[in-house]
Amino acid sequence: MKRTFFAVAVVLFVAGGMSWAEKGELHGAVGVTYSSKYIWRGFDVYDDKSAIHPFVDVDLFGTGFGINITAHRANSSGHEDTERWDYNVYYQNRAFVDEPYQMNYRFGYVYYNYPDLSSHRAWSPIGAHMLNGSIDLQELHGIFSFPNIIPIKGLVPTYVLVKLWPSNSGTLVGAAKPFGGGSMPFAGTASGFAHIFMLDYGLNITCPVTSENRVLNLHSELVYNDGVGPNGANVDHDWSNMVFGISTDIDLKPNLVFTPGIYHQITMDKSVNDDKDETWASLNLTYKF
């Protein structure tokens, strides 16, 4: 029912965007990302296994509204139940344009769907280690970037506020003790907030091989997890992890961009990730239309 409601909402959303746009054009991007590990907000989703992430992102005629659909799937067996589809509708714009305190903002709603699992049934044990039922999640988020607030061109701070909650109650991710506690290792809830503080810098360089001007995108982020366990774990209210990364865009042909990157995470809270550090590579290919 929830997925049906969401599908209807998307159709109405697109129809509304078409009616608002008199002179705008439909723009967007389609692509795929390969990651040697799938690290999501500090969590190692596929236990050090690589994954692919195909996506489509559509800007609705320059209205500021858009739709993004992204899939996540491990490249090895054993993780089929945790394949996830993210359905995201958002609005983005700018305020106080050209002022030192200019703010670029984006508000979005995301439905996280696990298609190989029921979206309605509560979790229940069906074996020594096997579980079934719903782990679908929902999210509201706000993203706020300030491109002019630091007097260094290209240095941009960003703050992200996330509110995550389960789509169903009485599930592994929807109750503090879904099985009444006991010896079950899962006793958390996905409901709560997360705060992400990011700092990005575009470093202009000259490529020593091609002599072309290129921009290295330097990224850093610090995450405070306010007790949100999207995998059903009992997560602390604490600073959970820091991430540092570097990437660059390479134009292969008009509208086709290849973006390689490498990232390193320092884990500060083992309730989010048992590993102290994580390092992974990312390869993205995007076609813009």
Protein backbone atom coordinates (compact mmCIF):
# COMPACT_ATOMS: atom_id res chain seq x y z
CA MET A 1 0.00 0.00 0.00
CA LYS A 2 2.79 2.43 0.89
CA ARG A 3 4.58 1.77 -2.41
CA THR A 4 1.30 2.26 -4.31
CA PHE A 5 0.72 5.55 -2.51
CA PHE A 6 4.29 6.63 -3.30
CA ALA A 7 3.90 5.73 -7.00
CA VAL A 8 0.69 7.77 -7.21
CA ALA A 9 2.41 10.68 -5.47
CA VAL A 10 5.28 10.58 -7.98
CA VAL A 11 2.85 10.60 -10.92
CA LEU A 12 1.00 13.60 -9.49
CA PHE A 13 4.34 15.25 -8.72
CA VAL A 14 5.51 14.87 -12.35
CA ALA A 15 2.17 16.05 -13.70
CA GLY A 16 2.33 19.09 -11.47
CA GLY A 17 5.85 19.87 -12.64
CA MET A 18 4.72 19.69 -16.26
CA SER A 19 1.83 22.08 -15.62
CA TRP A 20 4.11 24.59 -13.87
CA ALA A 21 6.71 24.66 -16.62
CA GLU A 22 5.82 26.96 -19.48
CA LYS A 23 9.25 27.52 -20.96
CA GLY A 24 11.44 25.12 -18.98
CA GLU A 25 13.00 21.95 -20.31
CA LEU A 26 13.35 18.53 -18.77
CA HIS A 27 16.92 17.85 -17.65
CA GLY A 28 18.58 15.13 -15.67
CA ALA A 29 21.18 12.41 -15.51
CA VAL A 30 21.38 8.64 -15.72
CA GLY A 31 24.37 6.58 -14.66
CA VAL A 32 25.92 3.89 -12.54
CA THR A 33 28.45 3.87 -9.71
CA TYR A 34 30.75 1.00 -8.75
CA SER A 35 32.07 1.02 -5.17
CA SER A 36 34.64 -1.42 -3.83
CA LYS A 37 32.72 -1.22 -0.50
CA TYR A 38 29.30 0.22 0.17
CA ILE A 39 29.71 2.49 3.20
CA TRP A 40 26.49 4.37 3.98
CA ARG A 41 26.63 6.97 6.77
CA GLY A 42 29.31 4.98 8.52
CA PHE A 43 27.65 1.55 8.15
CA ASP A 44 29.35 -1.18 6.10
CA VAL A 45 26.21 -2.37 4.31
CA TYR A 46 27.61 -5.39 2.44
CA ASP A 47 30.40 -6.41 4.82
CA ASP A 48 33.38 -5.24 2.73
CA LYS A 49 31.84 -6.51 -0.55
CA SER A 50 31.70 -4.37 -3.68
CA ALA A 51 28.42 -3.03 -5.04
CA ILE A 52 26.86 -1.26 -8.01
CA HIS A 53 24.46 1.67 -7.79
CA PRO A 54 22.50 2.51 -10.98
CA PHE A 55 20.51 5.72 -10.79
CA VAL A 56 18.36 8.23 -12.64
CA ASP A 57 17.88 11.84 -11.56
CA VAL A 58 15.33 14.14 -13.24
CA ASP A 59 15.05 17.92 -12.83
CA LEU A 60 11.41 18.86 -13.46
CA PHE A 61 11.67 21.68 -15.98
CA GLY A 62 13.76 24.03 -13.88
CA THR A 63 11.10 24.33 -11.16
CA GLY A 64 13.51 23.23 -8.46
CA PHE A 65 11.61 19.97 -7.97
CA GLY A 66 13.22 16.68 -8.91
CA ILE A 67 13.06 12.91 -8.63
CA ASN A 68 15.93 10.51 -7.99
CA ILE A 69 15.77 6.71 -8.05
CA THR A 70 18.88 4.77 -7.00
CA ALA A 71 19.43 1.03 -6.57
CA HIS A 72 22.08 -0.68 -4.43
CA ARG A 73 23.15 -4.28 -5.03
CA ALA A 74 26.15 -6.28 -3.84
CA ASN A 75 28.32 -7.93 -6.49
CA SER A 76 28.57 -11.16 -4.50
CA SER A 77 25.97 -13.62 -3.29
CA GLY A 78 24.52 -13.69 0.19
CA HIS A 79 23.21 -10.12 0.21
CA GLU A 80 20.14 -10.43 -2.00
CA ASP A 81 17.74 -9.60 0.85
CA THR A 82 19.51 -6.29 1.47
CA GLU A 83 19.30 -5.04 -2.10
CA ARG A 84 17.76 -1.59 -1.70
CA TRP A 85 15.93 0.90 -3.89
CA ASP A 86 15.84 4.57 -2.85
CA TYR A 87 12.92 6.67 -4.14
CA ASN A 88 13.62 10.35 -3.55
CA VAL A 89 11.54 13.44 -4.32
CA TYR A 90 13.12 16.81 -3.55
CA TYR A 91 13.04 20.57 -3.94
CA GLN A 92 16.19 22.68 -4.23
CA ASN A 93 16.82 26.42 -4.58
CA ARG A 94 18.99 29.30 -3.39
CA ALA A 95 18.43 32.15 -0.97
CA PHE A 96 20.32 35.47 -0.50
CA VAL A 97 21.99 35.04 -3.89
CA ASP A 98 25.46 36.67 -4.23
CA GLU A 99 25.47 37.68 -0.57
CA PRO A 100 28.27 36.42 1.71
CA TYR A 101 25.61 34.37 3.52
CA GLN A 102 24.10 32.87 0.35
CA MET A 103 22.47 29.54 1.13
CA ASN A 104 21.88 26.73 -1.34
CA TYR A 105 19.28 24.38 0.10
CA ARG A 106 17.51 21.13 -0.69
CA PHE A 107 14.63 19.40 1.08
CA GLY A 108 13.85 15.79 0.27
CA TYR A 109 11.75 12.77 1.15
CA VAL A 110 13.18 9.26 0.61
CA TYR A 111 11.50 5.87 0.76
CA TYR A 112 14.04 3.06 1.26
CA ASN A 113 12.56 -0.16 -0.13
CA TYR A 114 13.97 -3.71 0.12
CA PRO A 115 12.12 -5.43 -2.77
CA ASP A 116 13.08 -9.01 -1.85
CA LEU A 117 11.44 -8.63 1.57
CA SER A 118 7.85 -7.96 2.54
CA SER A 119 6.99 -4.29 3.03
CA HIS A 120 4.24 -5.10 5.51
CA ARG A 121 5.09 -8.16 7.62
CA ALA A 122 6.75 -7.82 11.01
CA TRP A 123 10.09 -9.54 11.46
CA SER A 124 10.16 -13.08 12.84
CA PRO A 125 12.86 -15.75 13.17
CA ILE A 126 12.59 -18.57 10.60
CA GLY A 127 15.78 -20.39 11.46
CA ALA A 128 18.93 -20.21 13.51
CA HIS A 129 20.16 -17.06 11.77
CA MET A 130 17.56 -16.24 9.12
CA LEU A 131 14.95 -13.52 9.42
CA ASN A 132 12.15 -12.25 7.24
CA GLY A 133 9.79 -9.29 7.17
CA SER A 134 9.95 -5.57 6.55
CA ILE A 135 12.96 -3.33 7.06
CA ASP A 136 11.71 -0.51 4.82
CA LEU A 137 12.59 2.99 5.98
CA GLN A 138 11.51 6.56 5.33
CA GLU A 139 13.49 9.77 5.57
CA LEU A 140 13.14 13.53 5.54
CA HIS A 141 16.28 15.57 5.10
CA GLY A 142 17.45 19.13 4.65
CA ILE A 143 20.77 20.06 3.02
CA PHE A 144 22.19 23.57 3.51
CA SER A 145 25.35 24.76 1.73
CA PHE A 146 27.06 28.15 2.07
CA PRO A 147 29.33 28.77 -0.96
CA ASN A 148 30.33 32.35 -0.06
CA ILE A 149 30.55 32.31 3.72
CA ILE A 150 34.27 31.37 3.81
CA PRO A 151 36.51 33.89 1.98
CA ILE A 152 38.33 31.13 0.12
CA LYS A 153 36.92 30.48 -3.34
CA GLY A 154 35.82 26.88 -3.77
CA LEU A 155 35.70 26.06 -0.03
CA VAL A 156 32.08 25.19 0.81
CA PRO A 157 30.67 24.08 4.18
CA THR A 158 27.43 22.06 4.24
CA TYR A 159 25.12 20.88 6.99
CA VAL A 160 22.70 17.94 6.55
CA LEU A 161 19.86 17.18 8.95
CA VAL A 162 18.34 13.70 8.61
CA LYS A 163 15.20 12.32 10.21
CA LEU A 164 14.87 8.56 9.62
CA TRP A 165 12.03 6.30 10.71
CA PRO A 166 10.69 2.80 9.91
CA SER A 167 7.81 2.40 7.48
CA ASN A 168 6.22 -0.22 9.75
CA SER A 169 6.04 -0.62 13.51
CA GLY A 170 6.81 -3.87 15.29
CA THR A 171 9.66 -4.76 12.93
CA LEU A 172 13.38 -5.30 13.41
CA VAL A 173 14.00 -1.61 12.65
CA GLY A 174 10.70 -0.37 14.07
CA ALA A 175 10.87 -1.35 17.73
CA ALA A 176 13.50 -0.98 20.41
CA LYS A 177 13.14 -4.69 21.27
CA PRO A 178 11.28 -6.39 18.41
CA PHE A 179 11.57 -9.85 20.01
CA GLY A 180 11.29 -8.77 23.62
CA GLY A 181 15.06 -8.55 24.08
CA GLY A 182 16.54 -11.80 25.28
CA SER A 183 19.58 -13.07 23.43
CA MET A 184 18.71 -11.38 20.12
CA PRO A 185 21.69 -9.26 18.98
CA PHE A 186 19.32 -6.77 17.33
CA ALA A 187 17.63 -4.45 19.80
CA GLY A 188 17.69 -1.07 18.08
CA THR A 189 15.40 1.24 16.21
CA ALA A 190 15.84 3.17 12.97
CA SER A 191 13.85 6.10 14.30
CA GLY A 192 15.89 9.20 15.08
CA PHE A 193 18.07 11.98 13.76
CA ALA A 194 21.53 12.25 12.23
CA HIS A 195 23.64 15.36 11.76
CA ILE A 196 26.26 15.53 8.99
CA PHE A 197 28.80 18.34 8.72
CA MET A 198 30.67 18.50 5.40
CA LEU A 199 33.45 20.61 3.95
CA ASP A 200 34.28 20.50 0.22
CA TYR A 201 37.01 22.22 -1.77
CA GLY A 202 37.58 22.35 -5.51
CA LEU A 203 41.33 22.39 -6.07
CA ASN A 204 42.37 23.56 -9.55
CA ILE A 205 45.42 21.75 -10.93
CA THR A 206 47.13 21.08 -14.25
CA CYS A 207 47.21 17.40 -15.12
CA PRO A 208 50.88 16.32 -15.45
CA VAL A 209 49.95 13.77 -18.13
CA THR A 210 47.53 15.64 -20.41
CA SER A 211 48.42 19.24 -19.38
CA GLU A 212 44.69 19.88 -19.05
CA ASN A 213 43.22 22.02 -16.32
CA ARG A 214 41.40 19.81 -13.85
CA VAL A 215 39.53 20.18 -10.58
CA LEU A 216 40.19 17.82 -7.70
CA ASN A 217 37.13 17.60 -5.47
CA LEU A 218 38.31 17.29 -1.87
CA HIS A 219 35.59 16.10 0.49
CA SER A 220 35.35 15.67 4.25
CA GLU A 221 32.45 14.95 6.58
CA LEU A 222 31.76 14.39 10.25
CA VAL A 223 28.65 12.48 11.38
CA TYR A 224 26.79 12.64 14.68
CA ASN A 225 24.43 9.67 14.90
CA ASP A 226 21.65 10.39 17.36
CA GLY A 227 20.91 6.71 18.01
CA VAL A 228 19.72 5.76 14.51
CA GLY A 229 20.31 2.11 13.57
CA PRO A 230 19.04 1.52 9.99
CA ASN A 231 20.16 -2.12 10.17
CA GLY A 232 18.36 -2.81 13.45
CA ALA A 233 21.46 -2.41 15.61
CA ASN A 234 21.41 -0.63 18.96
CA VAL A 235 23.42 2.48 18.06
CA ASP A 236 24.94 4.96 20.49
CA HIS A 237 24.10 8.67 20.57
CA ASP A 238 27.57 9.85 19.64
CA TRP A 239 29.95 11.09 16.97
CA SER A 240 30.13 8.04 14.74
CA ASN A 241 32.60 8.59 11.90
CA MET A 242 34.67 10.91 9.74
CA VAL A 243 35.16 10.55 5.97
CA PHE A 244 37.84 12.02 3.71
CA GLY A 245 37.76 11.69 -0.06
CA ILE A 246 39.15 12.90 -3.35
CA SER A 247 37.58 12.67 -6.80
CA THR A 248 37.69 14.34 -10.20
CA ASP A 249 35.41 14.64 -13.24
CA ILE A 250 36.76 13.48 -16.60
CA ASP A 251 34.77 14.47 -19.72
CA LEU A 252 34.74 11.49 -22.10
CA LYS A 253 32.46 13.07 -24.68
CA PRO A 254 29.71 15.71 -24.61
CA ASN A 255 27.38 15.02 -21.66
CA LEU A 256 29.27 11.86 -20.60
CA VAL A 257 31.38 12.18 -17.44
CA PHE A 258 33.59 9.62 -15.69
CA THR A 259 34.34 10.30 -12.01
CA PRO A 260 36.89 8.17 -10.15
CA GLY A 261 37.33 8.68 -6.42
CA ILE A 262 38.87 7.21 -3.31
CA TYR A 263 37.60 7.59 0.26
CA HIS A 264 38.76 6.79 3.77
CA GLN A 265 36.61 6.54 6.91
CA ILE A 266 37.74 6.84 10.50
CA THR A 267 35.18 5.08 12.70
CA MET A 268 34.76 6.57 16.16
CA ASP A 269 31.85 4.44 17.40
CA LYS A 270 31.89 0.65 17.06
CA SER A 271 28.11 0.43 17.44
CA VAL A 272 27.98 1.85 13.89
CA ASN A 273 30.91 -0.07 12.43
CA ASP A 274 33.04 -2.79 14.03
CA ASP A 275 36.00 -1.91 11.81
CA LYS A 276 38.19 0.94 12.96
CA ASP A 277 38.90 2.24 9.45
CA GLU A 278 37.41 1.75 6.01
CA THR A 279 38.95 2.58 2.64
CA TRP A 280 37.15 2.20 -0.66
CA ALA A 281 37.22 3.30 -4.29
CA SER A 282 34.36 4.66 -6.35
CA LEU A 283 33.93 4.72 -10.15
CA ASN A 284 31.00 6.68 -11.56
CA LEU A 285 29.79 7.05 -15.15
CA THR A 286 27.06 9.65 -15.74
CA TYR A 287 25.24 10.77 -18.88
CA LYS A 288 23.57 14.17 -18.57
CA PHE A 289 20.59 15.15 -20.70
